[in-house]
N, C-alpha and C. Protein backbone atom coordinates (compact mmCIF):
# COMPACT_ATOMS: atom_id res chain seq x y z
N MET A 1 -44.35 12.37 -32.82
CA MET A 1 -43.58 11.56 -31.89
C MET A 1 -42.09 11.79 -32.16
N ILE A 2 -41.35 11.98 -31.12
CA ILE A 2 -39.91 12.19 -31.24
C ILE A 2 -39.23 10.83 -31.43
N GLN A 3 -38.38 10.76 -32.43
CA GLN A 3 -37.67 9.52 -32.69
C GLN A 3 -36.56 9.36 -31.65
N ASN A 4 -36.40 8.14 -31.17
CA ASN A 4 -35.37 7.89 -30.17
C ASN A 4 -33.99 7.87 -30.81
N LEU A 5 -32.97 7.77 -29.98
CA LEU A 5 -31.60 7.67 -30.45
C LEU A 5 -31.32 6.19 -30.70
N ASN A 6 -31.38 5.81 -31.96
CA ASN A 6 -31.23 4.39 -32.29
C ASN A 6 -30.02 4.15 -33.17
N LYS A 7 -29.86 2.92 -33.61
CA LYS A 7 -28.69 2.54 -34.40
C LYS A 7 -28.71 3.17 -35.80
N GLU A 8 -29.88 3.53 -36.27
CA GLU A 8 -29.99 4.10 -37.60
C GLU A 8 -29.73 5.61 -37.62
N ASN A 9 -30.10 6.31 -36.56
CA ASN A 9 -29.99 7.77 -36.59
C ASN A 9 -28.99 8.38 -35.60
N PHE A 10 -28.39 7.56 -34.76
CA PHE A 10 -27.45 8.14 -33.80
C PHE A 10 -26.26 7.22 -33.51
N PHE A 11 -26.53 6.04 -33.01
CA PHE A 11 -25.46 5.11 -32.66
C PHE A 11 -24.96 4.40 -33.91
N THR A 12 -24.33 5.14 -34.77
CA THR A 12 -23.89 4.66 -36.08
C THR A 12 -22.39 4.40 -36.09
N GLU A 13 -21.94 3.81 -37.17
CA GLU A 13 -20.51 3.58 -37.35
C GLU A 13 -19.74 4.90 -37.36
N SER A 14 -20.34 5.94 -37.94
CA SER A 14 -19.64 7.22 -37.98
C SER A 14 -19.47 7.80 -36.58
N LEU A 15 -20.43 7.59 -35.68
CA LEU A 15 -20.27 8.04 -34.29
C LEU A 15 -19.10 7.30 -33.64
N LYS A 16 -19.00 6.01 -33.93
CA LYS A 16 -17.90 5.22 -33.39
C LYS A 16 -16.56 5.74 -33.88
N LYS A 17 -16.52 6.23 -35.11
CA LYS A 17 -15.27 6.75 -35.66
C LYS A 17 -14.93 8.11 -35.07
N VAL A 18 -15.93 8.95 -34.85
CA VAL A 18 -15.71 10.30 -34.35
C VAL A 18 -15.40 10.31 -32.85
N CYS A 19 -16.10 9.50 -32.08
CA CYS A 19 -15.98 9.52 -30.61
C CYS A 19 -15.79 8.12 -30.04
N PRO A 20 -14.81 7.36 -30.47
CA PRO A 20 -14.71 5.97 -30.03
C PRO A 20 -14.54 5.80 -28.52
N LYS A 21 -13.72 6.61 -27.89
CA LYS A 21 -13.48 6.45 -26.44
C LYS A 21 -14.71 6.85 -25.63
N ARG A 22 -15.34 7.96 -26.00
CA ARG A 22 -16.53 8.41 -25.27
C ARG A 22 -17.67 7.41 -25.45
N LEU A 23 -17.85 6.88 -26.65
CA LEU A 23 -18.90 5.91 -26.89
C LEU A 23 -18.64 4.63 -26.11
N GLU A 24 -17.39 4.19 -26.08
CA GLU A 24 -17.04 3.01 -25.31
C GLU A 24 -17.31 3.25 -23.82
N HIS A 25 -16.96 4.44 -23.33
CA HIS A 25 -17.22 4.78 -21.93
C HIS A 25 -18.72 4.75 -21.64
N PHE A 26 -19.52 5.34 -22.53
CA PHE A 26 -20.97 5.33 -22.33
C PHE A 26 -21.51 3.90 -22.34
N CYS A 27 -21.04 3.07 -23.26
CA CYS A 27 -21.52 1.69 -23.32
C CYS A 27 -21.20 0.93 -22.04
N GLN A 28 -20.00 1.14 -21.50
CA GLN A 28 -19.64 0.51 -20.22
C GLN A 28 -20.51 1.06 -19.09
N TRP A 29 -20.73 2.37 -19.12
CA TRP A 29 -21.55 3.00 -18.09
C TRP A 29 -22.97 2.45 -18.13
N ILE A 30 -23.54 2.35 -19.35
CA ILE A 30 -24.93 1.89 -19.47
C ILE A 30 -25.04 0.43 -19.03
N ASP A 31 -24.03 -0.39 -19.28
CA ASP A 31 -24.04 -1.77 -18.79
C ASP A 31 -24.06 -1.80 -17.27
N ASN A 32 -23.27 -0.94 -16.63
CA ASN A 32 -23.29 -0.85 -15.16
C ASN A 32 -24.63 -0.31 -14.66
N TYR A 33 -25.18 0.67 -15.37
CA TYR A 33 -26.49 1.23 -15.01
C TYR A 33 -27.56 0.14 -15.04
N LYS A 34 -27.51 -0.70 -16.07
CA LYS A 34 -28.49 -1.79 -16.19
C LYS A 34 -28.38 -2.74 -15.01
N LYS A 35 -27.16 -3.07 -14.60
CA LYS A 35 -26.97 -3.95 -13.45
C LYS A 35 -27.48 -3.28 -12.18
N GLU A 36 -27.13 -2.02 -12.00
CA GLU A 36 -27.54 -1.26 -10.81
C GLU A 36 -29.06 -1.20 -10.67
N ASN A 37 -29.75 -1.13 -11.79
CA ASN A 37 -31.21 -0.99 -11.77
C ASN A 37 -31.96 -2.28 -12.10
N ASP A 38 -31.25 -3.40 -12.10
CA ASP A 38 -31.86 -4.70 -12.37
C ASP A 38 -32.73 -4.65 -13.64
N TRP A 39 -32.10 -4.19 -14.71
CA TRP A 39 -32.74 -3.90 -15.99
C TRP A 39 -33.65 -5.03 -16.47
N GLU A 40 -33.17 -6.26 -16.42
CA GLU A 40 -33.96 -7.39 -16.94
C GLU A 40 -35.28 -7.53 -16.19
N ASN A 41 -35.24 -7.40 -14.87
CA ASN A 41 -36.47 -7.52 -14.09
C ASN A 41 -37.33 -6.27 -14.17
N LEU A 42 -36.70 -5.14 -14.41
CA LEU A 42 -37.43 -3.89 -14.54
C LEU A 42 -38.41 -3.95 -15.71
N PHE A 43 -37.98 -4.59 -16.77
CA PHE A 43 -38.80 -4.70 -17.98
C PHE A 43 -39.34 -6.11 -18.14
N GLY A 44 -40.34 -6.45 -17.37
CA GLY A 44 -41.04 -7.72 -17.57
C GLY A 44 -40.63 -8.85 -16.66
N GLY A 45 -39.77 -8.59 -15.71
CA GLY A 45 -39.42 -9.61 -14.73
C GLY A 45 -38.83 -10.88 -15.33
N GLY A 46 -38.18 -10.76 -16.48
CA GLY A 46 -37.59 -11.92 -17.12
C GLY A 46 -38.56 -12.69 -18.00
N ILE A 47 -39.84 -12.30 -17.98
CA ILE A 47 -40.84 -12.97 -18.82
C ILE A 47 -40.64 -12.60 -20.28
N VAL A 48 -40.34 -11.33 -20.51
CA VAL A 48 -40.03 -10.86 -21.85
C VAL A 48 -38.61 -10.32 -21.86
N LYS A 49 -38.00 -10.29 -23.03
CA LYS A 49 -36.64 -9.78 -23.14
C LYS A 49 -36.65 -8.27 -22.94
N ALA A 50 -35.78 -7.80 -22.07
CA ALA A 50 -35.69 -6.36 -21.80
C ALA A 50 -35.16 -5.64 -23.04
N PRO A 51 -35.65 -4.41 -23.28
CA PRO A 51 -35.16 -3.66 -24.44
C PRO A 51 -33.73 -3.20 -24.23
N LYS A 52 -33.07 -2.96 -25.33
CA LYS A 52 -31.74 -2.35 -25.28
C LYS A 52 -31.94 -0.84 -25.15
N PHE A 53 -30.91 -0.15 -24.70
CA PHE A 53 -31.03 1.30 -24.51
C PHE A 53 -31.51 1.99 -25.78
N HIS A 54 -30.97 1.61 -26.92
CA HIS A 54 -31.33 2.29 -28.18
C HIS A 54 -32.75 1.94 -28.64
N GLU A 55 -33.44 1.05 -27.94
CA GLU A 55 -34.83 0.71 -28.27
C GLU A 55 -35.84 1.46 -27.39
N LEU A 56 -35.37 2.12 -26.36
CA LEU A 56 -36.26 2.85 -25.45
C LEU A 56 -36.83 4.10 -26.13
N PRO A 57 -38.01 4.56 -25.69
CA PRO A 57 -38.51 5.86 -26.17
C PRO A 57 -37.54 6.97 -25.76
N PHE A 58 -37.50 8.02 -26.53
CA PHE A 58 -36.57 9.11 -26.28
C PHE A 58 -36.68 9.67 -24.86
N GLU A 59 -37.89 9.79 -24.34
CA GLU A 59 -38.07 10.37 -23.01
C GLU A 59 -37.33 9.55 -21.94
N LEU A 60 -37.34 8.23 -22.07
CA LEU A 60 -36.60 7.39 -21.13
C LEU A 60 -35.10 7.51 -21.38
N GLN A 61 -34.69 7.53 -22.64
CA GLN A 61 -33.29 7.72 -22.95
C GLN A 61 -32.79 9.05 -22.39
N ASN A 62 -33.59 10.07 -22.52
CA ASN A 62 -33.21 11.41 -22.09
C ASN A 62 -32.89 11.44 -20.59
N GLY A 63 -33.70 10.79 -19.79
CA GLY A 63 -33.44 10.76 -18.35
C GLY A 63 -32.17 10.00 -18.02
N ILE A 64 -31.93 8.91 -18.70
CA ILE A 64 -30.73 8.12 -18.45
C ILE A 64 -29.49 8.90 -18.90
N ILE A 65 -29.59 9.56 -20.06
CA ILE A 65 -28.47 10.37 -20.55
C ILE A 65 -28.20 11.54 -19.61
N ALA A 66 -29.25 12.13 -19.05
CA ALA A 66 -29.06 13.23 -18.11
C ALA A 66 -28.24 12.77 -16.90
N ARG A 67 -28.54 11.59 -16.41
CA ARG A 67 -27.76 11.07 -15.28
C ARG A 67 -26.32 10.83 -15.71
N TYR A 68 -26.12 10.24 -16.86
CA TYR A 68 -24.76 9.99 -17.35
C TYR A 68 -23.98 11.30 -17.44
N MET A 69 -24.57 12.29 -18.03
CA MET A 69 -23.89 13.57 -18.21
C MET A 69 -23.54 14.21 -16.88
N LEU A 70 -24.47 14.18 -15.93
CA LEU A 70 -24.19 14.75 -14.61
C LEU A 70 -23.04 14.01 -13.93
N GLU A 71 -23.05 12.69 -14.01
CA GLU A 71 -21.99 11.92 -13.37
C GLU A 71 -20.64 12.16 -14.04
N VAL A 72 -20.63 12.24 -15.37
CA VAL A 72 -19.37 12.43 -16.09
C VAL A 72 -18.86 13.85 -15.91
N LEU A 73 -19.71 14.83 -16.11
CA LEU A 73 -19.28 16.22 -16.03
C LEU A 73 -18.90 16.64 -14.63
N ASP A 74 -19.58 16.08 -13.65
CA ASP A 74 -19.31 16.45 -12.26
C ASP A 74 -18.50 15.40 -11.51
N LYS A 75 -17.98 14.44 -12.26
CA LYS A 75 -17.06 13.43 -11.71
C LYS A 75 -17.66 12.63 -10.55
N GLY A 76 -18.90 12.24 -10.69
CA GLY A 76 -19.48 11.38 -9.67
C GLY A 76 -20.97 11.54 -9.55
N SER A 77 -21.54 10.78 -8.64
CA SER A 77 -22.99 10.76 -8.51
C SER A 77 -23.53 11.77 -7.50
N VAL A 78 -22.67 12.49 -6.79
CA VAL A 78 -23.15 13.47 -5.80
C VAL A 78 -23.99 14.55 -6.49
N ALA A 79 -23.49 15.08 -7.60
CA ALA A 79 -24.25 16.10 -8.33
C ALA A 79 -25.57 15.54 -8.82
N TYR A 80 -25.57 14.28 -9.22
CA TYR A 80 -26.82 13.65 -9.68
C TYR A 80 -27.82 13.59 -8.54
N GLU A 81 -27.38 13.18 -7.37
CA GLU A 81 -28.27 13.10 -6.22
C GLU A 81 -28.83 14.47 -5.87
N GLU A 82 -27.99 15.50 -5.94
CA GLU A 82 -28.45 16.86 -5.68
C GLU A 82 -29.49 17.29 -6.72
N ALA A 83 -29.25 16.95 -7.98
CA ALA A 83 -30.20 17.29 -9.04
C ALA A 83 -31.53 16.57 -8.84
N VAL A 84 -31.48 15.32 -8.41
CA VAL A 84 -32.71 14.56 -8.15
C VAL A 84 -33.49 15.22 -7.02
N ASN A 85 -32.81 15.60 -5.95
CA ASN A 85 -33.51 16.25 -4.83
C ASN A 85 -34.12 17.57 -5.24
N GLU A 86 -33.42 18.34 -6.07
CA GLU A 86 -33.96 19.61 -6.58
C GLU A 86 -35.17 19.35 -7.46
N PHE A 87 -35.09 18.34 -8.31
CA PHE A 87 -36.21 18.00 -9.17
C PHE A 87 -37.43 17.60 -8.36
N ARG A 88 -37.22 16.84 -7.31
CA ARG A 88 -38.35 16.44 -6.45
C ARG A 88 -39.05 17.67 -5.88
N LYS A 89 -38.26 18.65 -5.41
CA LYS A 89 -38.85 19.88 -4.89
C LYS A 89 -39.64 20.61 -5.97
N GLN A 90 -39.07 20.71 -7.16
CA GLN A 90 -39.75 21.40 -8.26
C GLN A 90 -41.03 20.67 -8.66
N PHE A 91 -40.97 19.35 -8.68
CA PHE A 91 -42.14 18.56 -9.06
C PHE A 91 -43.25 18.70 -8.02
N LEU A 92 -42.89 18.68 -6.75
CA LEU A 92 -43.87 18.87 -5.68
C LEU A 92 -44.50 20.25 -5.78
N GLU A 93 -43.68 21.26 -6.05
CA GLU A 93 -44.20 22.62 -6.22
C GLU A 93 -45.15 22.68 -7.42
N PHE A 94 -44.79 22.05 -8.50
CA PHE A 94 -45.65 22.00 -9.68
C PHE A 94 -46.98 21.35 -9.35
N PHE A 95 -46.94 20.20 -8.65
CA PHE A 95 -48.17 19.50 -8.29
C PHE A 95 -49.04 20.34 -7.38
N SER A 96 -48.42 21.05 -6.45
CA SER A 96 -49.22 21.79 -5.47
C SER A 96 -49.83 23.06 -6.05
N LYS A 97 -49.28 23.57 -7.17
CA LYS A 97 -49.79 24.81 -7.75
C LYS A 97 -50.55 24.61 -9.06
N THR A 98 -50.62 23.38 -9.55
CA THR A 98 -51.22 23.14 -10.85
C THR A 98 -52.54 22.40 -10.66
N GLU A 99 -53.57 22.90 -11.33
CA GLU A 99 -54.86 22.22 -11.27
C GLU A 99 -54.79 20.94 -12.11
N PRO A 100 -55.34 19.86 -11.59
CA PRO A 100 -55.32 18.63 -12.37
C PRO A 100 -56.21 18.77 -13.62
N TYR A 101 -55.82 18.09 -14.64
CA TYR A 101 -56.59 18.09 -15.87
C TYR A 101 -57.70 17.07 -15.77
N ALA A 102 -58.83 17.40 -16.34
CA ALA A 102 -59.99 16.50 -16.28
C ALA A 102 -59.91 15.44 -17.34
């Protein structure tokens, strides 16, 4: 199992010292992302406490980080939307050419 990016192995004090502005930007971005996606209701509808980003499995973190990187590197969400549309095409092609596993 791949270990996620957590407070012990990634989001450490040394990261804050090396990249304080970028980390602050990411933290602000992730807070906005959570609002945009109704994070609290997404994870249990308010019945249970929603996990923090650093508590998610790596695969979920990876997708969120990919969106962040696309938006930051390409200065907006247009490139992200284009990447999502391309991924949908690739996924559909994969489904149509791949035999299901039993």
